[in-house]
Amino acid sequence: MILSVLFLSTLVLFAITSVLFRSFSTRRVDLGREFALSGQKALSEGAPEKAVRDLRLSLSYAPDETSNQLLLAEALALAHHPDQARGYFLALLDQHPADGFLNLQLARLARQRNNRQAAIPYYRAAAVGNWSGDSIDERFHVQLELADYLAELGDLRSARAELLVAVADAPEDPAVSAMIGRRFEQADDLPDALKYYKKALKLDPKNTAALVGAERVLEKIGEGSPSVGSPQ
């Protein structure tokens, strides 16, 4: 009789414990999801500090959620906590070394630290990395950003080389062509600058930025302006 009572008591306790554990686990999942959604909302609304708090709470309930780790890294970078952001991005890069977005974020953080030796390899890795969505467009803009950085460093030769790589993926758009022309001009490559200003005008003869840019370049190289609108 006593053994039966003890056995039944054990079963009851086990059942109660199982119910409580399942309830607690479900609650943890719910809380993790709630704080993740709150963090995403804060990030989209331009409140990175709040996003950091909420995403950290979310990860305390669901520490293996890679998407939330990535969001936290982004929030930390926007909230001006570069060292912490870098730690998260590096941990994620260990898992996905060819990820273009992660390499780009690390390039930008290295650039903020004036660490050219780290920034440039990260930019190059981002330019050839894997991207979700329109990978050609993403790589094009990474290449432009790298060219801008090299020009900022005064390395105009390397900046021109990156621009020549970037234009292979440039869309046929007058605004983009005018923008490329301006970048070649800033990199002191006047022939290519004129080429892309003319291309922009061929696509859109009324493009003011291209017209002004082409006239400016022609003045620099000592030619007149009548040929500006002629096709390349």
C-alpha atoms as a PDB file:
ATOM      1  CA  MET A   1       0.000   0.000   0.000  1.00  0.00           C
ATOM      2  CA  ILE A   2       2.745   2.442   0.974  1.00  0.00           C
ATOM      3  CA  LEU A   3       4.698   1.562  -2.157  1.00  0.00           C
ATOM      4  CA  SER A   4       1.626   2.202  -4.304  1.00  0.00           C
ATOM      5  CA  VAL A   5       1.090   5.595  -2.697  1.00  0.00           C
ATOM      6  CA  LEU A   6       4.731   6.516  -3.203  1.00  0.00           C
ATOM      7  CA  PHE A   7       4.584   5.370  -6.805  1.00  0.00           C
ATOM      8  CA  LEU A   8       1.437   7.398  -7.476  1.00  0.00           C
ATOM      9  CA  SER A   9       2.923  10.415  -5.734  1.00  0.00           C
ATOM     10  CA  THR A  10       6.014  10.157  -7.906  1.00  0.00           C
ATOM     11  CA  LEU A  11       3.905   9.999 -11.053  1.00  0.00           C
ATOM     12  CA  VAL A  12       1.914  13.041  -9.974  1.00  0.00           C
ATOM     13  CA  LEU A  13       5.071  15.001  -9.191  1.00  0.00           C
ATOM     14  CA  PHE A  14       6.592  13.989 -12.509  1.00  0.00           C
ATOM     15  CA  ALA A  15       3.471  15.097 -14.375  1.00  0.00           C
ATOM     16  CA  ILE A  16       3.380  18.443 -12.549  1.00  0.00           C
ATOM     17  CA  THR A  17       7.091  19.005 -13.208  1.00  0.00           C
ATOM     18  CA  SER A  18       6.685  18.171 -16.909  1.00  0.00           C
ATOM     19  CA  VAL A  19       3.770  20.600 -17.245  1.00  0.00           C
ATOM     20  CA  LEU A  20       5.668  23.364 -15.463  1.00  0.00           C
ATOM     21  CA  PHE A  21       8.782  22.761 -17.554  1.00  0.00           C
ATOM     22  CA  ARG A  22       6.827  22.880 -20.809  1.00  0.00           C
ATOM     23  CA  SER A  23       5.045  26.024 -19.660  1.00  0.00           C
ATOM     24  CA  PHE A  24       8.349  27.657 -18.698  1.00  0.00           C
ATOM     25  CA  SER A  25       9.975  26.648 -22.010  1.00  0.00           C
ATOM     26  CA  THR A  26       7.036  28.007 -23.975  1.00  0.00           C
ATOM     27  CA  ARG A  27       7.193  31.237 -22.022  1.00  0.00           C
ATOM     28  CA  ARG A  28      10.916  31.585 -22.733  1.00  0.00           C
ATOM     29  CA  VAL A  29      10.278  31.139 -26.455  1.00  0.00           C
ATOM     30  CA  ASP A  30       7.483  33.709 -26.350  1.00  0.00           C
ATOM     31  CA  LEU A  31       9.595  36.218 -24.443  1.00  0.00           C
ATOM     32  CA  GLY A  32      12.511  35.728 -26.818  1.00  0.00           C
ATOM     33  CA  ARG A  33      10.246  36.383 -29.783  1.00  0.00           C
ATOM     34  CA  GLU A  34       8.591  39.404 -28.153  1.00  0.00           C
ATOM     35  CA  PHE A  35      11.886  41.100 -27.326  1.00  0.00           C
ATOM     36  CA  ALA A  36      13.263  40.275 -30.789  1.00  0.00           C
ATOM     37  CA  LEU A  37      10.294  41.945 -32.466  1.00  0.00           C
ATOM     38  CA  SER A  38      10.626  44.933 -30.158  1.00  0.00           C
ATOM     39  CA  GLY A  39      14.323  45.191 -30.966  1.00  0.00           C
ATOM     40  CA  GLN A  40      13.673  45.020 -34.710  1.00  0.00           C
ATOM     41  CA  LYS A  41      11.047  47.742 -34.395  1.00  0.00           C
ATOM     42  CA  ALA A  42      13.394  49.971 -32.397  1.00  0.00           C
ATOM     43  CA  LEU A  43      16.132  49.469 -34.983  1.00  0.00           C
ATOM     44  CA  SER A  44      13.811  50.380 -37.855  1.00  0.00           C
ATOM     45  CA  GLU A  45      12.687  53.484 -35.946  1.00  0.00           C
ATOM     46  CA  GLY A  46      16.242  54.713 -35.411  1.00  0.00           C
ATOM     47  CA  ALA A  47      16.492  53.862 -31.706  1.00  0.00           C
ATOM     48  CA  PRO A  48      19.604  51.639 -31.611  1.00  0.00           C
ATOM     49  CA  GLU A  49      20.149  51.816 -27.829  1.00  0.00           C
ATOM     50  CA  LYS A  50      16.657  50.460 -27.194  1.00  0.00           C
ATOM     51  CA  ALA A  51      17.241  47.858 -29.885  1.00  0.00           C
ATOM     52  CA  VAL A  52      20.429  46.767 -28.108  1.00  0.00           C
ATOM     53  CA  ARG A  53      18.583  46.312 -24.803  1.00  0.00           C
ATOM     54  CA  ASP A  54      15.696  44.382 -26.329  1.00  0.00           C
ATOM     55  CA  LEU A  55      17.855  42.177 -28.530  1.00  0.00           C
ATOM     56  CA  ARG A  56      20.128  41.307 -25.624  1.00  0.00           C
ATOM     57  CA  LEU A  57      17.071  40.278 -23.629  1.00  0.00           C
ATOM     58  CA  SER A  58      15.858  38.232 -26.577  1.00  0.00           C
ATOM     59  CA  LEU A  59      19.185  36.439 -26.797  1.00  0.00           C
ATOM     60  CA  SER A  60      19.131  35.724 -23.065  1.00  0.00           C
ATOM     61  CA  TYR A  61      16.047  33.587 -23.770  1.00  0.00           C
ATOM     62  CA  ALA A  62      17.186  32.233 -27.150  1.00  0.00           C
ATOM     63  CA  PRO A  63      20.988  32.570 -27.336  1.00  0.00           C
ATOM     64  CA  ASP A  64      21.394  30.564 -30.556  1.00  0.00           C
ATOM     65  CA  GLU A  65      19.196  32.762 -32.760  1.00  0.00           C
ATOM     66  CA  THR A  66      21.694  33.846 -35.426  1.00  0.00           C
ATOM     67  CA  SER A  67      19.346  36.415 -36.954  1.00  0.00           C
ATOM     68  CA  ASN A  68      19.029  38.202 -33.607  1.00  0.00           C
ATOM     69  CA  GLN A  69      22.795  38.084 -33.084  1.00  0.00           C
ATOM     70  CA  LEU A  70      23.178  39.839 -36.428  1.00  0.00           C
ATOM     71  CA  LEU A  71      20.568  42.446 -35.531  1.00  0.00           C
ATOM     72  CA  LEU A  72      22.307  43.051 -32.212  1.00  0.00           C
ATOM     73  CA  ALA A  73      25.628  43.545 -33.976  1.00  0.00           C
ATOM     74  CA  GLU A  74      24.003  46.107 -36.295  1.00  0.00           C
ATOM     75  CA  ALA A  75      22.351  47.871 -33.367  1.00  0.00           C
ATOM     76  CA  LEU A  76      25.639  48.022 -31.448  1.00  0.00           C
ATOM     77  CA  ALA A  77      27.385  49.569 -34.447  1.00  0.00           C
ATOM     78  CA  LEU A  78      24.641  52.180 -34.857  1.00  0.00           C
ATOM     79  CA  ALA A  79      24.678  52.897 -31.123  1.00  0.00           C
ATOM     80  CA  HIS A  80      28.423  53.650 -31.305  1.00  0.00           C
ATOM     81  CA  HIS A  81      29.658  50.517 -29.534  1.00  0.00           C
ATOM     82  CA  PRO A  82      32.118  49.460 -32.261  1.00  0.00           C
ATOM     83  CA  ASP A  83      34.201  47.003 -30.224  1.00  0.00           C
ATOM     84  CA  GLN A  84      31.144  45.046 -29.093  1.00  0.00           C
ATOM     85  CA  ALA A  85      29.672  45.133 -32.597  1.00  0.00           C
ATOM     86  CA  ARG A  86      32.948  43.894 -34.032  1.00  0.00           C
ATOM     87  CA  GLY A  87      32.962  40.966 -31.601  1.00  0.00           C
ATOM     88  CA  TYR A  88      29.524  39.832 -32.744  1.00  0.00           C
ATOM     89  CA  PHE A  89      30.323  40.318 -36.439  1.00  0.00           C
ATOM     90  CA  LEU A  90      33.567  38.342 -36.088  1.00  0.00           C
ATOM     91  CA  ALA A  91      31.769  35.490 -34.325  1.00  0.00           C
ATOM     92  CA  LEU A  92      29.201  35.364 -37.118  1.00  0.00           C
ATOM     93  CA  LEU A  93      31.917  35.589 -39.775  1.00  0.00           C
ATOM     94  CA  ASP A  94      33.561  32.497 -38.292  1.00  0.00           C
ATOM     95  CA  GLN A  95      30.368  30.638 -39.177  1.00  0.00           C
ATOM     96  CA  HIS A  96      29.887  32.327 -42.576  1.00  0.00           C
ATOM     97  CA  PRO A  97      33.316  33.495 -43.833  1.00  0.00           C
ATOM     98  CA  ALA A  98      32.073  34.274 -47.362  1.00  0.00           C
ATOM     99  CA  ASP A  99      29.159  36.446 -46.246  1.00  0.00           C
ATOM    100  CA  GLY A 100      29.340  39.773 -48.062  1.00  0.00           C
ATOM    101  CA  PHE A 101      27.261  41.732 -45.559  1.00  0.00           C
ATOM    102  CA  LEU A 102      29.373  40.648 -42.568  1.00  0.00           C
ATOM    103  CA  ASN A 103      32.616  41.501 -44.350  1.00  0.00           C
ATOM    104  CA  LEU A 104      31.220  44.916 -45.300  1.00  0.00           C
ATOM    105  CA  GLN A 105      30.270  45.712 -41.705  1.00  0.00           C
ATOM    106  CA  LEU A 106      33.746  44.723 -40.509  1.00  0.00           C
ATOM    107  CA  ALA A 107      35.289  46.854 -43.273  1.00  0.00           C
ATOM    108  CA  ARG A 108      33.318  49.879 -42.104  1.00  0.00           C
ATOM    109  CA  LEU A 109      34.261  49.303 -38.467  1.00  0.00           C
ATOM    110  CA  ALA A 110      37.932  48.974 -39.413  1.00  0.00           C
ATOM    111  CA  ARG A 111      37.612  52.157 -41.471  1.00  0.00           C
ATOM    112  CA  GLN A 112      36.240  53.981 -38.428  1.00  0.00           C
ATOM    113  CA  ARG A 113      39.338  52.870 -36.513  1.00  0.00           C
ATOM    114  CA  ASN A 114      41.570  54.123 -39.354  1.00  0.00           C
ATOM    115  CA  ASN A 115      42.784  50.549 -39.783  1.00  0.00           C
ATOM    116  CA  ARG A 116      43.524  50.465 -43.503  1.00  0.00           C
ATOM    117  CA  GLN A 117      45.259  47.086 -43.316  1.00  0.00           C
ATOM    118  CA  ALA A 118      42.047  45.468 -42.040  1.00  0.00           C
ATOM    119  CA  ALA A 119      39.471  47.570 -43.890  1.00  0.00           C
ATOM    120  CA  ILE A 120      40.664  46.958 -47.450  1.00  0.00           C
ATOM    121  CA  PRO A 121      40.759  43.125 -47.239  1.00  0.00           C
ATOM    122  CA  TYR A 122      37.288  43.136 -45.669  1.00  0.00           C
ATOM    123  CA  TYR A 123      36.008  45.378 -48.475  1.00  0.00           C
ATOM    124  CA  ARG A 124      37.512  43.050 -51.082  1.00  0.00           C
ATOM    125  CA  ALA A 125      35.973  40.020 -49.376  1.00  0.00           C
ATOM    126  CA  ALA A 126      32.597  41.787 -49.325  1.00  0.00           C
ATOM    127  CA  ALA A 127      32.877  42.610 -53.032  1.00  0.00           C
ATOM    128  CA  VAL A 128      33.264  38.933 -53.948  1.00  0.00           C
ATOM    129  CA  GLY A 129      31.160  37.563 -51.106  1.00  0.00           C
ATOM    130  CA  ASN A 130      27.740  35.969 -50.970  1.00  0.00           C
ATOM    131  CA  TRP A 131      24.741  38.291 -50.785  1.00  0.00           C
ATOM    132  CA  SER A 132      21.054  37.668 -50.415  1.00  0.00           C
ATOM    133  CA  GLY A 133      18.907  39.490 -52.944  1.00  0.00           C
ATOM    134  CA  ASP A 134      20.528  41.395 -55.822  1.00  0.00           C
ATOM    135  CA  SER A 135      24.141  40.340 -55.373  1.00  0.00           C
ATOM    136  CA  ILE A 136      25.365  42.184 -58.484  1.00  0.00           C
ATOM    137  CA  ASP A 137      23.982  45.499 -57.197  1.00  0.00           C
ATOM    138  CA  GLU A 138      25.389  44.902 -53.700  1.00  0.00           C
ATOM    139  CA  ARG A 139      28.843  44.108 -55.059  1.00  0.00           C
ATOM    140  CA  PHE A 140      28.726  47.162 -57.306  1.00  0.00           C
ATOM    141  CA  HIS A 141      28.053  49.456 -54.357  1.00  0.00           C
ATOM    142  CA  VAL A 142      30.723  47.767 -52.214  1.00  0.00           C
ATOM    143  CA  GLN A 143      33.247  48.344 -55.007  1.00  0.00           C
ATOM    144  CA  LEU A 144      32.237  52.005 -55.191  1.00  0.00           C
ATOM    145  CA  GLU A 145      32.567  52.362 -51.423  1.00  0.00           C
ATOM    146  CA  LEU A 146      36.039  50.840 -51.562  1.00  0.00           C
ATOM    147  CA  ALA A 147      37.002  53.216 -54.382  1.00  0.00           C
ATOM    148  CA  ASP A 148      35.773  56.155 -52.296  1.00  0.00           C
ATOM    149  CA  TYR A 149      37.808  54.937 -49.330  1.00  0.00           C
ATOM    150  CA  LEU A 150      40.974  54.573 -51.398  1.00  0.00           C
ATOM    151  CA  ALA A 151      40.468  58.050 -52.857  1.00  0.00           C
ATOM    152  CA  GLU A 152      39.986  59.368 -49.321  1.00  0.00           C
ATOM    153  CA  LEU A 153      43.332  57.780 -48.406  1.00  0.00           C
ATOM    154  CA  GLY A 154      44.950  59.519 -51.373  1.00  0.00           C
ATOM    155  CA  ASP A 155      45.574  56.279 -53.259  1.00  0.00           C
ATOM    156  CA  LEU A 156      44.053  57.481 -56.536  1.00  0.00           C
ATOM    157  CA  ARG A 157      45.670  54.769 -58.638  1.00  0.00           C
ATOM    158  CA  SER A 158      44.011  52.020 -56.600  1.00  0.00           C
ATOM    159  CA  ALA A 159      40.751  53.966 -56.519  1.00  0.00           C
ATOM    160  CA  ARG A 160      40.733  54.102 -60.339  1.00  0.00           C
ATOM    161  CA  ALA A 161      41.424  50.375 -60.510  1.00  0.00           C
ATOM    162  CA  GLU A 162      38.455  49.624 -58.225  1.00  0.00           C
ATOM    163  CA  LEU A 163      36.213  51.894 -60.277  1.00  0.00           C
ATOM    164  CA  LEU A 164      37.170  50.040 -63.452  1.00  0.00           C
ATOM    165  CA  VAL A 165      36.144  46.787 -61.776  1.00  0.00           C
ATOM    166  CA  ALA A 166      32.920  48.300 -60.441  1.00  0.00           C
ATOM    167  CA  VAL A 167      31.664  49.665 -63.765  1.00  0.00           C
ATOM    168  CA  ALA A 168      31.449  46.144 -65.186  1.00  0.00           C
ATOM    169  CA  ASP A 169      28.359  45.667 -63.009  1.00  0.00           C
ATOM    170  CA  ALA A 170      26.962  49.190 -63.378  1.00  0.00           C
ATOM    171  CA  PRO A 171      23.312  49.430 -64.467  1.00  0.00           C
ATOM    172  CA  GLU A 172      22.383  51.304 -67.644  1.00  0.00           C
ATOM    173  CA  ASP A 173      21.069  54.352 -65.846  1.00  0.00           C
ATOM    174  CA  PRO A 174      21.898  58.021 -66.532  1.00  0.00           C
ATOM    175  CA  ALA A 175      22.106  58.963 -62.854  1.00  0.00           C
ATOM    176  CA  VAL A 176      24.448  56.049 -62.160  1.00  0.00           C
ATOM    177  CA  SER A 177      26.611  56.895 -65.176  1.00  0.00           C
ATOM    178  CA  ALA A 178      26.857  60.529 -64.038  1.00  0.00           C
ATOM    179  CA  MET A 179      27.771  59.357 -60.542  1.00  0.00           C
ATOM    180  CA  ILE A 180      30.496  57.092 -61.950  1.00  0.00           C
ATOM    181  CA  GLY A 181      31.794  59.983 -64.045  1.00  0.00           C
ATOM    182  CA  ARG A 182      32.057  62.115 -60.928  1.00  0.00           C
ATOM    183  CA  ARG A 183      33.979  59.402 -59.118  1.00  0.00           C
ATOM    184  CA  PHE A 184      36.439  58.997 -61.993  1.00  0.00           C
ATOM    185  CA  GLU A 185      36.880  62.770 -61.976  1.00  0.00           C
ATOM    186  CA  GLN A 186      37.599  62.734 -58.237  1.00  0.00           C
ATOM    187  CA  ALA A 187      40.122  59.950 -58.849  1.00  0.00           C
ATOM    188  CA  ASP A 188      41.814  62.208 -61.451  1.00  0.00           C
ATOM    189  CA  ASP A 189      40.904  59.923 -64.358  1.00  0.00           C
ATOM    190  CA  LEU A 190      39.550  62.575 -66.712  1.00  0.00           C
ATOM    191  CA  PRO A 191      39.170  60.444 -69.884  1.00  0.00           C
ATOM    192  CA  ASP A 192      36.993  57.877 -68.094  1.00  0.00           C
ATOM    193  CA  ALA A 193      35.120  60.649 -66.291  1.00  0.00           C
ATOM    194  CA  LEU A 194      34.244  62.240 -69.637  1.00  0.00           C
ATOM    195  CA  LYS A 195      33.305  58.840 -71.062  1.00  0.00           C
ATOM    196  CA  TYR A 196      30.707  58.249 -68.346  1.00  0.00           C
ATOM    197  CA  TYR A 197      29.392  61.799 -68.388  1.00  0.00           C
ATOM    198  CA  LYS A 198      28.818  61.381 -72.115  1.00  0.00           C
ATOM    199  CA  LYS A 199      27.193  58.010 -71.529  1.00  0.00           C
ATOM    200  CA  ALA A 200      24.798  59.607 -69.049  1.00  0.00           C
ATOM    201  CA  LEU A 201      23.927  62.315 -71.588  1.00  0.00           C
ATOM    202  CA  LYS A 202      23.356  59.725 -74.282  1.00  0.00           C
ATOM    203  CA  LEU A 203      20.870  57.998 -71.975  1.00  0.00           C
ATOM    204  CA  ASP A 204      19.356  61.298 -70.834  1.00  0.00           C
ATOM    205  CA  PRO A 205      20.372  64.477 -72.701  1.00  0.00           C
ATOM    206  CA  LYS A 206      18.786  66.595 -69.956  1.00  0.00           C
ATOM    207  CA  ASN A 207      20.864  65.153 -67.124  1.00  0.00           C
ATOM    208  CA  THR A 208      22.190  68.325 -65.495  1.00  0.00           C
ATOM    209  CA  ALA A 209      24.848  66.623 -63.353  1.00  0.00           C
ATOM    210  CA  ALA A 210      26.337  64.913 -66.408  1.00  0.00           C
ATOM    211  CA  LEU A 211      26.243  68.095 -68.512  1.00  0.00           C
ATOM    212  CA  VAL A 212      27.935  70.207 -65.839  1.00  0.00           C
ATOM    213  CA  GLY A 213      30.451  67.447 -65.130  1.00  0.00           C
ATOM    214  CA  ALA A 214      31.335  66.959 -68.781  1.00  0.00           C
ATOM    215  CA  GLU A 215      31.854  70.687 -69.305  1.00  0.00           C
ATOM    216  CA  ARG A 216      34.012  70.831 -66.190  1.00  0.00           C
ATOM    217  CA  VAL A 217      36.181  67.941 -67.388  1.00  0.00           C
ATOM    218  CA  LEU A 218      36.510  69.421 -70.880  1.00  0.00           C
ATOM    219  CA  GLU A 219      37.760  72.644 -69.330  1.00  0.00           C
ATOM    220  CA  LYS A 220      40.319  70.699 -67.311  1.00  0.00           C
ATOM    221  CA  ILE A 221      41.680  68.889 -70.352  1.00  0.00           C
ATOM    222  CA  GLY A 222      41.518  72.017 -72.505  1.00  0.00           C
ATOM    223  CA  GLU A 223      38.812  71.057 -74.977  1.00  0.00           C
ATOM    224  CA  GLY A 224      35.752  73.025 -75.965  1.00  0.00           C
ATOM    225  CA  SER A 225      32.230  72.119 -74.916  1.00  0.00           C
ATOM    226  CA  PRO A 226      30.458  71.550 -78.280  1.00  0.00           C
ATOM    227  CA  SER A 227      31.303  67.782 -78.261  1.00  0.00           C
ATOM    228  CA  VAL A 228      29.727  67.173 -74.863  1.00  0.00           C
ATOM    229  CA  GLY A 229      26.498  65.793 -76.221  1.00  0.00           C
ATOM    230  CA  SER A 230      28.080  63.607 -78.890  1.00  0.00           C
ATOM    231  CA  PRO A 231      27.973  59.825 -78.330  1.00  0.00           C
ATOM    232  CA  GLN A 232      31.118  58.046 -77.191  1.00  0.00           C
END
